[in-house]
């Protein structure tokens, strides 16, 4: 999350965990 703000990144974040996905 910090790196996304620092480097203006776009993410495709893949997970089986909905709460984890919700957080990011």
PDBML (XML) file of the C-alpha atoms, coordinates in Angstrom:
<?xml version="1.0" encoding="UTF-8" ?>
<PDBx:datablock datablockName="MODEL"
   xmlns:PDBx="http://pdbml.pdb.org/schema/pdbx-v50.xsd"
   xmlns:xsi="http://www.w3.org/2001/XMLSchema-instance"
   xsi:schemaLocation="http://pdbml.pdb.org/schema/pdbx-v50.xsd pdbx-v50.xsd">
   <PDBx:atom_siteCategory>
      <PDBx:atom_site id="1">
         <PDBx:B_iso_or_equiv>0.00</PDBx:B_iso_or_equiv>
         <PDBx:Cartn_x>0.000</PDBx:Cartn_x>
         <PDBx:Cartn_y>0.000</PDBx:Cartn_y>
         <PDBx:Cartn_z>0.000</PDBx:Cartn_z>
         <PDBx:auth_asym_id>A</PDBx:auth_asym_id>
         <PDBx:auth_atom_id>CA</PDBx:auth_atom_id>
         <PDBx:auth_comp_id>UNK</PDBx:auth_comp_id>
         <PDBx:auth_seq_id>1</PDBx:auth_seq_id>
         <PDBx:group_PDB>ATOM</PDBx:group_PDB>
         <PDBx:label_alt_id xsi:nil="true" />
         <PDBx:label_asym_id>A</PDBx:label_asym_id>
         <PDBx:label_atom_id>CA</PDBx:label_atom_id>
         <PDBx:label_comp_id>UNK</PDBx:label_comp_id>
         <PDBx:label_entity_id>1</PDBx:label_entity_id>
         <PDBx:label_seq_id>1</PDBx:label_seq_id>
         <PDBx:occupancy>1.00</PDBx:occupancy>
         <PDBx:pdbx_PDB_model_num>1</PDBx:pdbx_PDB_model_num>
         <PDBx:type_symbol>C</PDBx:type_symbol>
      </PDBx:atom_site>
      <PDBx:atom_site id="2">
         <PDBx:B_iso_or_equiv>0.00</PDBx:B_iso_or_equiv>
         <PDBx:Cartn_x>2.839</PDBx:Cartn_x>
         <PDBx:Cartn_y>2.405</PDBx:Cartn_y>
         <PDBx:Cartn_z>0.831</PDBx:Cartn_z>
         <PDBx:auth_asym_id>A</PDBx:auth_asym_id>
         <PDBx:auth_atom_id>CA</PDBx:auth_atom_id>
         <PDBx:auth_comp_id>UNK</PDBx:auth_comp_id>
         <PDBx:auth_seq_id>2</PDBx:auth_seq_id>
         <PDBx:group_PDB>ATOM</PDBx:group_PDB>
         <PDBx:label_alt_id xsi:nil="true" />
         <PDBx:label_asym_id>A</PDBx:label_asym_id>
         <PDBx:label_atom_id>CA</PDBx:label_atom_id>
         <PDBx:label_comp_id>UNK</PDBx:label_comp_id>
         <PDBx:label_entity_id>1</PDBx:label_entity_id>
         <PDBx:label_seq_id>2</PDBx:label_seq_id>
         <PDBx:occupancy>1.00</PDBx:occupancy>
         <PDBx:pdbx_PDB_model_num>1</PDBx:pdbx_PDB_model_num>
         <PDBx:type_symbol>C</PDBx:type_symbol>
      </PDBx:atom_site>
      <PDBx:atom_site id="3">
         <PDBx:B_iso_or_equiv>0.00</PDBx:B_iso_or_equiv>
         <PDBx:Cartn_x>4.704</PDBx:Cartn_x>
         <PDBx:Cartn_y>1.589</PDBx:Cartn_y>
         <PDBx:Cartn_z>-2.391</PDBx:Cartn_z>
         <PDBx:auth_asym_id>A</PDBx:auth_asym_id>
         <PDBx:auth_atom_id>CA</PDBx:auth_atom_id>
         <PDBx:auth_comp_id>UNK</PDBx:auth_comp_id>
         <PDBx:auth_seq_id>3</PDBx:auth_seq_id>
         <PDBx:group_PDB>ATOM</PDBx:group_PDB>
         <PDBx:label_alt_id xsi:nil="true" />
         <PDBx:label_asym_id>A</PDBx:label_asym_id>
         <PDBx:label_atom_id>CA</PDBx:label_atom_id>
         <PDBx:label_comp_id>UNK</PDBx:label_comp_id>
         <PDBx:label_entity_id>1</PDBx:label_entity_id>
         <PDBx:label_seq_id>3</PDBx:label_seq_id>
         <PDBx:occupancy>1.00</PDBx:occupancy>
         <PDBx:pdbx_PDB_model_num>1</PDBx:pdbx_PDB_model_num>
         <PDBx:type_symbol>C</PDBx:type_symbol>
      </PDBx:atom_site>
      <PDBx:atom_site id="4">
         <PDBx:B_iso_or_equiv>0.00</PDBx:B_iso_or_equiv>
         <PDBx:Cartn_x>1.583</PDBx:Cartn_x>
         <PDBx:Cartn_y>2.207</PDBx:Cartn_y>
         <PDBx:Cartn_z>-4.439</PDBx:Cartn_z>
         <PDBx:auth_asym_id>A</PDBx:auth_asym_id>
         <PDBx:auth_atom_id>CA</PDBx:auth_atom_id>
         <PDBx:auth_comp_id>UNK</PDBx:auth_comp_id>
         <PDBx:auth_seq_id>4</PDBx:auth_seq_id>
         <PDBx:group_PDB>ATOM</PDBx:group_PDB>
         <PDBx:label_alt_id xsi:nil="true" />
         <PDBx:label_asym_id>A</PDBx:label_asym_id>
         <PDBx:label_atom_id>CA</PDBx:label_atom_id>
         <PDBx:label_comp_id>UNK</PDBx:label_comp_id>
         <PDBx:label_entity_id>1</PDBx:label_entity_id>
         <PDBx:label_seq_id>4</PDBx:label_seq_id>
         <PDBx:occupancy>1.00</PDBx:occupancy>
         <PDBx:pdbx_PDB_model_num>1</PDBx:pdbx_PDB_model_num>
         <PDBx:type_symbol>C</PDBx:type_symbol>
      </PDBx:atom_site>
      <PDBx:atom_site id="5">
         <PDBx:B_iso_or_equiv>0.00</PDBx:B_iso_or_equiv>
         <PDBx:Cartn_x>1.380</PDBx:Cartn_x>
         <PDBx:Cartn_y>5.764</PDBx:Cartn_y>
         <PDBx:Cartn_z>-3.146</PDBx:Cartn_z>
         <PDBx:auth_asym_id>A</PDBx:auth_asym_id>
         <PDBx:auth_atom_id>CA</PDBx:auth_atom_id>
         <PDBx:auth_comp_id>UNK</PDBx:auth_comp_id>
         <PDBx:auth_seq_id>5</PDBx:auth_seq_id>
         <PDBx:group_PDB>ATOM</PDBx:group_PDB>
         <PDBx:label_alt_id xsi:nil="true" />
         <PDBx:label_asym_id>A</PDBx:label_asym_id>
         <PDBx:label_atom_id>CA</PDBx:label_atom_id>
         <PDBx:label_comp_id>UNK</PDBx:label_comp_id>
         <PDBx:label_entity_id>1</PDBx:label_entity_id>
         <PDBx:label_seq_id>5</PDBx:label_seq_id>
         <PDBx:occupancy>1.00</PDBx:occupancy>
         <PDBx:pdbx_PDB_model_num>1</PDBx:pdbx_PDB_model_num>
         <PDBx:type_symbol>C</PDBx:type_symbol>
      </PDBx:atom_site>
      <PDBx:atom_site id="6">
         <PDBx:B_iso_or_equiv>0.00</PDBx:B_iso_or_equiv>
         <PDBx:Cartn_x>5.120</PDBx:Cartn_x>
         <PDBx:Cartn_y>6.362</PDBx:Cartn_y>
         <PDBx:Cartn_z>-3.444</PDBx:Cartn_z>
         <PDBx:auth_asym_id>A</PDBx:auth_asym_id>
         <PDBx:auth_atom_id>CA</PDBx:auth_atom_id>
         <PDBx:auth_comp_id>UNK</PDBx:auth_comp_id>
         <PDBx:auth_seq_id>6</PDBx:auth_seq_id>
         <PDBx:group_PDB>ATOM</PDBx:group_PDB>
         <PDBx:label_alt_id xsi:nil="true" />
         <PDBx:label_asym_id>A</PDBx:label_asym_id>
         <PDBx:label_atom_id>CA</PDBx:label_atom_id>
         <PDBx:label_comp_id>UNK</PDBx:label_comp_id>
         <PDBx:label_entity_id>1</PDBx:label_entity_id>
         <PDBx:label_seq_id>6</PDBx:label_seq_id>
         <PDBx:occupancy>1.00</PDBx:occupancy>
         <PDBx:pdbx_PDB_model_num>1</PDBx:pdbx_PDB_model_num>
         <PDBx:type_symbol>C</PDBx:type_symbol>
      </PDBx:atom_site>
      <PDBx:atom_site id="7">
         <PDBx:B_iso_or_equiv>0.00</PDBx:B_iso_or_equiv>
         <PDBx:Cartn_x>5.508</PDBx:Cartn_x>
         <PDBx:Cartn_y>5.096</PDBx:Cartn_y>
         <PDBx:Cartn_z>-7.018</PDBx:Cartn_z>
         <PDBx:auth_asym_id>A</PDBx:auth_asym_id>
         <PDBx:auth_atom_id>CA</PDBx:auth_atom_id>
         <PDBx:auth_comp_id>UNK</PDBx:auth_comp_id>
         <PDBx:auth_seq_id>7</PDBx:auth_seq_id>
         <PDBx:group_PDB>ATOM</PDBx:group_PDB>
         <PDBx:label_alt_id xsi:nil="true" />
         <PDBx:label_asym_id>A</PDBx:label_asym_id>
         <PDBx:label_atom_id>CA</PDBx:label_atom_id>
         <PDBx:label_comp_id>UNK</PDBx:label_comp_id>
         <PDBx:label_entity_id>1</PDBx:label_entity_id>
         <PDBx:label_seq_id>7</PDBx:label_seq_id>
         <PDBx:occupancy>1.00</PDBx:occupancy>
         <PDBx:pdbx_PDB_model_num>1</PDBx:pdbx_PDB_model_num>
         <PDBx:type_symbol>C</PDBx:type_symbol>
      </PDBx:atom_site>
      <PDBx:atom_site id="8">
         <PDBx:B_iso_or_equiv>0.00</PDBx:B_iso_or_equiv>
         <PDBx:Cartn_x>1.951</PDBx:Cartn_x>
         <PDBx:Cartn_y>5.766</PDBx:Cartn_y>
         <PDBx:Cartn_z>-8.313</PDBx:Cartn_z>
         <PDBx:auth_asym_id>A</PDBx:auth_asym_id>
         <PDBx:auth_atom_id>CA</PDBx:auth_atom_id>
         <PDBx:auth_comp_id>UNK</PDBx:auth_comp_id>
         <PDBx:auth_seq_id>8</PDBx:auth_seq_id>
         <PDBx:group_PDB>ATOM</PDBx:group_PDB>
         <PDBx:label_alt_id xsi:nil="true" />
         <PDBx:label_asym_id>A</PDBx:label_asym_id>
         <PDBx:label_atom_id>CA</PDBx:label_atom_id>
         <PDBx:label_comp_id>UNK</PDBx:label_comp_id>
         <PDBx:label_entity_id>1</PDBx:label_entity_id>
         <PDBx:label_seq_id>8</PDBx:label_seq_id>
         <PDBx:occupancy>1.00</PDBx:occupancy>
         <PDBx:pdbx_PDB_model_num>1</PDBx:pdbx_PDB_model_num>
         <PDBx:type_symbol>C</PDBx:type_symbol>
      </PDBx:atom_site>
      <PDBx:atom_site id="9">
         <PDBx:B_iso_or_equiv>0.00</PDBx:B_iso_or_equiv>
         <PDBx:Cartn_x>1.457</PDBx:Cartn_x>
         <PDBx:Cartn_y>2.080</PDBx:Cartn_y>
         <PDBx:Cartn_z>-9.088</PDBx:Cartn_z>
         <PDBx:auth_asym_id>A</PDBx:auth_asym_id>
         <PDBx:auth_atom_id>CA</PDBx:auth_atom_id>
         <PDBx:auth_comp_id>UNK</PDBx:auth_comp_id>
         <PDBx:auth_seq_id>9</PDBx:auth_seq_id>
         <PDBx:group_PDB>ATOM</PDBx:group_PDB>
         <PDBx:label_alt_id xsi:nil="true" />
         <PDBx:label_asym_id>A</PDBx:label_asym_id>
         <PDBx:label_atom_id>CA</PDBx:label_atom_id>
         <PDBx:label_comp_id>UNK</PDBx:label_comp_id>
         <PDBx:label_entity_id>1</PDBx:label_entity_id>
         <PDBx:label_seq_id>9</PDBx:label_seq_id>
         <PDBx:occupancy>1.00</PDBx:occupancy>
         <PDBx:pdbx_PDB_model_num>1</PDBx:pdbx_PDB_model_num>
         <PDBx:type_symbol>C</PDBx:type_symbol>
      </PDBx:atom_site>
      <PDBx:atom_site id="10">
         <PDBx:B_iso_or_equiv>0.00</PDBx:B_iso_or_equiv>
         <PDBx:Cartn_x>-1.565</PDBx:Cartn_x>
         <PDBx:Cartn_y>0.258</PDBx:Cartn_y>
         <PDBx:Cartn_z>-10.429</PDBx:Cartn_z>
         <PDBx:auth_asym_id>A</PDBx:auth_asym_id>
         <PDBx:auth_atom_id>CA</PDBx:auth_atom_id>
         <PDBx:auth_comp_id>UNK</PDBx:auth_comp_id>
         <PDBx:auth_seq_id>10</PDBx:auth_seq_id>
         <PDBx:group_PDB>ATOM</PDBx:group_PDB>
         <PDBx:label_alt_id xsi:nil="true" />
         <PDBx:label_asym_id>A</PDBx:label_asym_id>
         <PDBx:label_atom_id>CA</PDBx:label_atom_id>
         <PDBx:label_comp_id>UNK</PDBx:label_comp_id>
         <PDBx:label_entity_id>1</PDBx:label_entity_id>
         <PDBx:label_seq_id>10</PDBx:label_seq_id>
         <PDBx:occupancy>1.00</PDBx:occupancy>
         <PDBx:pdbx_PDB_model_num>1</PDBx:pdbx_PDB_model_num>
         <PDBx:type_symbol>C</PDBx:type_symbol>
      </PDBx:atom_site>
      <PDBx:atom_site id="11">
         <PDBx:B_iso_or_equiv>0.00</PDBx:B_iso_or_equiv>
         <PDBx:Cartn_x>-2.282</PDBx:Cartn_x>
         <PDBx:Cartn_y>-3.181</PDBx:Cartn_y>
         <PDBx:Cartn_z>-8.941</PDBx:Cartn_z>
         <PDBx:auth_asym_id>A</PDBx:auth_asym_id>
         <PDBx:auth_atom_id>CA</PDBx:auth_atom_id>
         <PDBx:auth_comp_id>UNK</PDBx:auth_comp_id>
         <PDBx:auth_seq_id>11</PDBx:auth_seq_id>
         <PDBx:group_PDB>ATOM</PDBx:group_PDB>
         <PDBx:label_alt_id xsi:nil="true" />
         <PDBx:label_asym_id>A</PDBx:label_asym_id>
         <PDBx:label_atom_id>CA</PDBx:label_atom_id>
         <PDBx:label_comp_id>UNK</PDBx:label_comp_id>
         <PDBx:label_entity_id>1</PDBx:label_entity_id>
         <PDBx:label_seq_id>11</PDBx:label_seq_id>
         <PDBx:occupancy>1.00</PDBx:occupancy>
         <PDBx:pdbx_PDB_model_num>1</PDBx:pdbx_PDB_model_num>
         <PDBx:type_symbol>C</PDBx:type_symbol>
      </PDBx:atom_site>
      <PDBx:atom_site id="12">
         <PDBx:B_iso_or_equiv>0.00</PDBx:B_iso_or_equiv>
         <PDBx:Cartn_x>-4.072</PDBx:Cartn_x>
         <PDBx:Cartn_y>-6.344</PDBx:Cartn_y>
         <PDBx:Cartn_z>-9.951</PDBx:Cartn_z>
         <PDBx:auth_asym_id>A</PDBx:auth_asym_id>
         <PDBx:auth_atom_id>CA</PDBx:auth_atom_id>
         <PDBx:auth_comp_id>UNK</PDBx:auth_comp_id>
         <PDBx:auth_seq_id>12</PDBx:auth_seq_id>
         <PDBx:group_PDB>ATOM</PDBx:group_PDB>
         <PDBx:label_alt_id xsi:nil="true" />
         <PDBx:label_asym_id>A</PDBx:label_asym_id>
         <PDBx:label_atom_id>CA</PDBx:label_atom_id>
         <PDBx:label_comp_id>UNK</PDBx:label_comp_id>
         <PDBx:label_entity_id>1</PDBx:label_entity_id>
         <PDBx:label_seq_id>12</PDBx:label_seq_id>
         <PDBx:occupancy>1.00</PDBx:occupancy>
         <PDBx:pdbx_PDB_model_num>1</PDBx:pdbx_PDB_model_num>
         <PDBx:type_symbol>C</PDBx:type_symbol>
      </PDBx:atom_site>
      <PDBx:atom_site id="13">
         <PDBx:B_iso_or_equiv>0.00</PDBx:B_iso_or_equiv>
         <PDBx:Cartn_x>-4.193</PDBx:Cartn_x>
         <PDBx:Cartn_y>-7.987</PDBx:Cartn_y>
         <PDBx:Cartn_z>-6.528</PDBx:Cartn_z>
         <PDBx:auth_asym_id>A</PDBx:auth_asym_id>
         <PDBx:auth_atom_id>CA</PDBx:auth_atom_id>
         <PDBx:auth_comp_id>UNK</PDBx:auth_comp_id>
         <PDBx:auth_seq_id>13</PDBx:auth_seq_id>
         <PDBx:group_PDB>ATOM</PDBx:group_PDB>
         <PDBx:label_alt_id xsi:nil="true" />
         <PDBx:label_asym_id>A</PDBx:label_asym_id>
         <PDBx:label_atom_id>CA</PDBx:label_atom_id>
         <PDBx:label_comp_id>UNK</PDBx:label_comp_id>
         <PDBx:label_entity_id>1</PDBx:label_entity_id>
         <PDBx:label_seq_id>13</PDBx:label_seq_id>
         <PDBx:occupancy>1.00</PDBx:occupancy>
         <PDBx:pdbx_PDB_model_num>1</PDBx:pdbx_PDB_model_num>
         <PDBx:type_symbol>C</PDBx:type_symbol>
      </PDBx:atom_site>
      <PDBx:atom_site id="14">
         <PDBx:B_iso_or_equiv>0.00</PDBx:B_iso_or_equiv>
         <PDBx:Cartn_x>-5.204</PDBx:Cartn_x>
         <PDBx:Cartn_y>-11.653</PDBx:Cartn_y>
         <PDBx:Cartn_z>-6.604</PDBx:Cartn_z>
         <PDBx:auth_asym_id>A</PDBx:auth_asym_id>
         <PDBx:auth_atom_id>CA</PDBx:auth_atom_id>
         <PDBx:auth_comp_id>UNK</PDBx:auth_comp_id>
         <PDBx:auth_seq_id>14</PDBx:auth_seq_id>
         <PDBx:group_PDB>ATOM</PDBx:group_PDB>
         <PDBx:label_alt_id xsi:nil="true" />
         <PDBx:label_asym_id>A</PDBx:label_asym_id>
         <PDBx:label_atom_id>CA</PDBx:label_atom_id>
         <PDBx:label_comp_id>UNK</PDBx:label_comp_id>
         <PDBx:label_entity_id>1</PDBx:label_entity_id>
         <PDBx:label_seq_id>14</PDBx:label_seq_id>
         <PDBx:occupancy>1.00</PDBx:occupancy>
         <PDBx:pdbx_PDB_model_num>1</PDBx:pdbx_PDB_model_num>
         <PDBx:type_symbol>C</PDBx:type_symbol>
      </PDBx:atom_site>
      <PDBx:atom_site id="15">
         <PDBx:B_iso_or_equiv>0.00</PDBx:B_iso_or_equiv>
         <PDBx:Cartn_x>-6.277</PDBx:Cartn_x>
         <PDBx:Cartn_y>-13.439</PDBx:Cartn_y>
         <PDBx:Cartn_z>-3.436</PDBx:Cartn_z>
         <PDBx:auth_asym_id>A</PDBx:auth_asym_id>
         <PDBx:auth_atom_id>CA</PDBx:auth_atom_id>
         <PDBx:auth_comp_id>UNK</PDBx:auth_comp_id>
         <PDBx:auth_seq_id>15</PDBx:auth_seq_id>
         <PDBx:group_PDB>ATOM</PDBx:group_PDB>
         <PDBx:label_alt_id xsi:nil="true" />
         <PDBx:label_asym_id>A</PDBx:label_asym_id>
         <PDBx:label_atom_id>CA</PDBx:label_atom_id>
         <PDBx:label_comp_id>UNK</PDBx:label_comp_id>
         <PDBx:label_entity_id>1</PDBx:label_entity_id>
         <PDBx:label_seq_id>15</PDBx:label_seq_id>
         <PDBx:occupancy>1.00</PDBx:occupancy>
         <PDBx:pdbx_PDB_model_num>1</PDBx:pdbx_PDB_model_num>
         <PDBx:type_symbol>C</PDBx:type_symbol>
      </PDBx:atom_site>
      <PDBx:atom_site id="16">
         <PDBx:B_iso_or_equiv>0.00</PDBx:B_iso_or_equiv>
         <PDBx:Cartn_x>-8.682</PDBx:Cartn_x>
         <PDBx:Cartn_y>-16.049</PDBx:Cartn_y>
         <PDBx:Cartn_z>-2.057</PDBx:Cartn_z>
         <PDBx:auth_asym_id>A</PDBx:auth_asym_id>
         <PDBx:auth_atom_id>CA</PDBx:auth_atom_id>
         <PDBx:auth_comp_id>UNK</PDBx:auth_comp_id>
         <PDBx:auth_seq_id>16</PDBx:auth_seq_id>
         <PDBx:group_PDB>ATOM</PDBx:group_PDB>
         <PDBx:label_alt_id xsi:nil="true" />
         <PDBx:label_asym_id>A</PDBx:label_asym_id>
         <PDBx:label_atom_id>CA</PDBx:label_atom_id>
         <PDBx:label_comp_id>UNK</PDBx:label_comp_id>
         <PDBx:label_entity_id>1</PDBx:label_entity_id>
         <PDBx:label_seq_id>16</PDBx:label_seq_id>
         <PDBx:occupancy>1.00</PDBx:occupancy>
         <PDBx:pdbx_PDB_model_num>1</PDBx:pdbx_PDB_model_num>
         <PDBx:type_symbol>C</PDBx:type_symbol>
      </PDBx:atom_site>
      <PDBx:atom_site id="17">
         <PDBx:B_iso_or_equiv>0.00</PDBx:B_iso_or_equiv>
         <PDBx:Cartn_x>-9.300</PDBx:Cartn_x>
         <PDBx:Cartn_y>-13.810</PDBx:Cartn_y>
         <PDBx:Cartn_z>0.969</PDBx:Cartn_z>
         <PDBx:auth_asym_id>A</PDBx:auth_asym_id>
         <PDBx:auth_atom_id>CA</PDBx:auth_atom_id>
         <PDBx:auth_comp_id>UNK</PDBx:auth_comp_id>
         <PDBx:auth_seq_id>17</PDBx:auth_seq_id>
         <PDBx:group_PDB>ATOM</PDBx:group_PDB>
         <PDBx:label_alt_id xsi:nil="true" />
         <PDBx:label_asym_id>A</PDBx:label_asym_id>
         <PDBx:label_atom_id>CA</PDBx:label_atom_id>
         <PDBx:label_comp_id>UNK</PDBx:label_comp_id>
         <PDBx:label_entity_id>1</PDBx:label_entity_id>
         <PDBx:label_seq_id>17</PDBx:label_seq_id>
         <PDBx:occupancy>1.00</PDBx:occupancy>
         <PDBx:pdbx_PDB_model_num>1</PDBx:pdbx_PDB_model_num>
         <PDBx:type_symbol>C</PDBx:type_symbol>
      </PDBx:atom_site>
      <PDBx:atom_site id="18">
         <PDBx:B_iso_or_equiv>0.00</PDBx:B_iso_or_equiv>
         <PDBx:Cartn_x>-12.046</PDBx:Cartn_x>
         <PDBx:Cartn_y>-11.210</PDBx:Cartn_y>
         <PDBx:Cartn_z>0.619</PDBx:Cartn_z>
         <PDBx:auth_asym_id>A</PDBx:auth_asym_id>
         <PDBx:auth_atom_id>CA</PDBx:auth_atom_id>
         <PDBx:auth_comp_id>UNK</PDBx:auth_comp_id>
         <PDBx:auth_seq_id>18</PDBx:auth_seq_id>
         <PDBx:group_PDB>ATOM</PDBx:group_PDB>
         <PDBx:label_alt_id xsi:nil="true" />
         <PDBx:label_asym_id>A</PDBx:label_asym_id>
         <PDBx:label_atom_id>CA</PDBx:label_atom_id>
         <PDBx:label_comp_id>UNK</PDBx:label_comp_id>
         <PDBx:label_entity_id>1</PDBx:label_entity_id>
         <PDBx:label_seq_id>18</PDBx:label_seq_id>
         <PDBx:occupancy>1.00</PDBx:occupancy>
         <PDBx:pdbx_PDB_model_num>1</PDBx:pdbx_PDB_model_num>
         <PDBx:type_symbol>C</PDBx:type_symbol>
      </PDBx:atom_site>
      <PDBx:atom_site id="19">
         <PDBx:B_iso_or_equiv>0.00</PDBx:B_iso_or_equiv>
         <PDBx:Cartn_x>-11.063</PDBx:Cartn_x>
         <PDBx:Cartn_y>-9.264</PDBx:Cartn_y>
         <PDBx:Cartn_z>3.783</PDBx:Cartn_z>
         <PDBx:auth_asym_id>A</PDBx:auth_asym_id>
         <PDBx:auth_atom_id>CA</PDBx:auth_atom_id>
         <PDBx:auth_comp_id>UNK</PDBx:auth_comp_id>
         <PDBx:auth_seq_id>19</PDBx:auth_seq_id>
         <PDBx:group_PDB>ATOM</PDBx:group_PDB>
         <PDBx:label_alt_id xsi:nil="true" />
         <PDBx:label_asym_id>A</PDBx:label_asym_id>
         <PDBx:label_atom_id>CA</PDBx:label_atom_id>
         <PDBx:label_comp_id>UNK</PDBx:label_comp_id>
         <PDBx:label_entity_id>1</PDBx:label_entity_id>
         <PDBx:label_seq_id>19</PDBx:label_seq_id>
         <PDBx:occupancy>1.00</PDBx:occupancy>
         <PDBx:pdbx_PDB_model_num>1</PDBx:pdbx_PDB_model_num>
         <PDBx:type_symbol>C</PDBx:type_symbol>
      </PDBx:atom_site>
      <PDBx:atom_site id="20">
         <PDBx:B_iso_or_equiv>0.00</PDBx:B_iso_or_equiv>
         <PDBx:Cartn_x>-7.485</PDBx:Cartn_x>
         <PDBx:Cartn_y>-9.032</PDBx:Cartn_y>
         <PDBx:Cartn_z>2.500</PDBx:Cartn_z>
         <PDBx:auth_asym_id>A</PDBx:auth_asym_id>
         <PDBx:auth_atom_id>CA</PDBx:auth_atom_id>
         <PDBx:auth_comp_id>UNK</PDBx:auth_comp_id>
         <PDBx:auth_seq_id>20</PDBx:auth_seq_id>
         <PDBx:group_PDB>ATOM</PDBx:group_PDB>
         <PDBx:label_alt_id xsi:nil="true" />
         <PDBx:label_asym_id>A</PDBx:label_asym_id>
         <PDBx:label_atom_id>CA</PDBx:label_atom_id>
         <PDBx:label_comp_id>UNK</PDBx:label_comp_id>
         <PDBx:label_entity_id>1</PDBx:label_entity_id>
         <PDBx:label_seq_id>20</PDBx:label_seq_id>
         <PDBx:occupancy>1.00</PDBx:occupancy>
         <PDBx:pdbx_PDB_model_num>1</PDBx:pdbx_PDB_model_num>
         <PDBx:type_symbol>C</PDBx:type_symbol>
      </PDBx:atom_site>
      <PDBx:atom_site id="21">
         <PDBx:B_iso_or_equiv>0.00</PDBx:B_iso_or_equiv>
         <PDBx:Cartn_x>-8.705</PDBx:Cartn_x>
         <PDBx:Cartn_y>-7.801</PDBx:Cartn_y>
         <PDBx:Cartn_z>-0.893</PDBx:Cartn_z>
         <PDBx:auth_asym_id>A</PDBx:auth_asym_id>
         <PDBx:auth_atom_id>CA</PDBx:auth_atom_id>
         <PDBx:auth_comp_id>UNK</PDBx:auth_comp_id>
         <PDBx:auth_seq_id>21</PDBx:auth_seq_id>
         <PDBx:group_PDB>ATOM</PDBx:group_PDB>
         <PDBx:label_alt_id xsi:nil="true" />
         <PDBx:label_asym_id>A</PDBx:label_asym_id>
         <PDBx:label_atom_id>CA</PDBx:label_atom_id>
         <PDBx:label_comp_id>UNK</PDBx:label_comp_id>
         <PDBx:label_entity_id>1</PDBx:label_entity_id>
         <PDBx:label_seq_id>21</PDBx:label_seq_id>
         <PDBx:occupancy>1.00</PDBx:occupancy>
         <PDBx:pdbx_PDB_model_num>1</PDBx:pdbx_PDB_model_num>
         <PDBx:type_symbol>C</PDBx:type_symbol>
      </PDBx:atom_site>
      <PDBx:atom_site id="22">
         <PDBx:B_iso_or_equiv>0.00</PDBx:B_iso_or_equiv>
         <PDBx:Cartn_x>-11.029</PDBx:Cartn_x>
         <PDBx:Cartn_y>-5.350</PDBx:Cartn_y>
         <PDBx:Cartn_z>0.827</PDBx:Cartn_z>
         <PDBx:auth_asym_id>A</PDBx:auth_asym_id>
         <PDBx:auth_atom_id>CA</PDBx:auth_atom_id>
         <PDBx:auth_comp_id>UNK</PDBx:auth_comp_id>
         <PDBx:auth_seq_id>22</PDBx:auth_seq_id>
         <PDBx:group_PDB>ATOM</PDBx:group_PDB>
         <PDBx:label_alt_id xsi:nil="true" />
         <PDBx:label_asym_id>A</PDBx:label_asym_id>
         <PDBx:label_atom_id>CA</PDBx:label_atom_id>
         <PDBx:label_comp_id>UNK</PDBx:label_comp_id>
         <PDBx:label_entity_id>1</PDBx:label_entity_id>
         <PDBx:label_seq_id>22</PDBx:label_seq_id>
         <PDBx:occupancy>1.00</PDBx:occupancy>
         <PDBx:pdbx_PDB_model_num>1</PDBx:pdbx_PDB_model_num>
         <PDBx:type_symbol>C</PDBx:type_symbol>
      </PDBx:atom_site>
      <PDBx:atom_site id="23">
         <PDBx:B_iso_or_equiv>0.00</PDBx:B_iso_or_equiv>
         <PDBx:Cartn_x>-8.142</PDBx:Cartn_x>
         <PDBx:Cartn_y>-3.880</PDBx:Cartn_y>
         <PDBx:Cartn_z>2.814</PDBx:Cartn_z>
         <PDBx:auth_asym_id>A</PDBx:auth_asym_id>
         <PDBx:auth_atom_id>CA</PDBx:auth_atom_id>
         <PDBx:auth_comp_id>UNK</PDBx:auth_comp_id>
         <PDBx:auth_seq_id>23</PDBx:auth_seq_id>
         <PDBx:group_PDB>ATOM</PDBx:group_PDB>
         <PDBx:label_alt_id xsi:nil="true" />
         <PDBx:label_asym_id>A</PDBx:label_asym_id>
         <PDBx:label_atom_id>CA</PDBx:label_atom_id>
         <PDBx:label_comp_id>UNK</PDBx:label_comp_id>
         <PDBx:label_entity_id>1</PDBx:label_entity_id>
         <PDBx:label_seq_id>23</PDBx:label_seq_id>
         <PDBx:occupancy>1.00</PDBx:occupancy>
         <PDBx:pdbx_PDB_model_num>1</PDBx:pdbx_PDB_model_num>
         <PDBx:type_symbol>C</PDBx:type_symbol>
      </PDBx:atom_site>
      <PDBx:atom_site id="24">
         <PDBx:B_iso_or_equiv>0.00</PDBx:B_iso_or_equiv>
         <PDBx:Cartn_x>-5.997</PDBx:Cartn_x>
         <PDBx:Cartn_y>-3.104</PDBx:Cartn_y>
         <PDBx:Cartn_z>-0.232</PDBx:Cartn_z>
         <PDBx:auth_asym_id>A</PDBx:auth_asym_id>
         <PDBx:auth_atom_id>CA</PDBx:auth_atom_id>
         <PDBx:auth_comp_id>UNK</PDBx:auth_comp_id>
         <PDBx:auth_seq_id>24</PDBx:auth_seq_id>
         <PDBx:group_PDB>ATOM</PDBx:group_PDB>
         <PDBx:label_alt_id xsi:nil="true" />
         <PDBx:label_asym_id>A</PDBx:label_asym_id>
         <PDBx:label_atom_id>CA</PDBx:label_atom_id>
         <PDBx:label_comp_id>UNK</PDBx:label_comp_id>
         <PDBx:label_entity_id>1</PDBx:label_entity_id>
         <PDBx:label_seq_id>24</PDBx:label_seq_id>
         <PDBx:occupancy>1.00</PDBx:occupancy>
         <PDBx:pdbx_PDB_model_num>1</PDBx:pdbx_PDB_model_num>
         <PDBx:type_symbol>C</PDBx:type_symbol>
      </PDBx:atom_site>
   </PDBx:atom_siteCategory>
</PDBx:datablock>
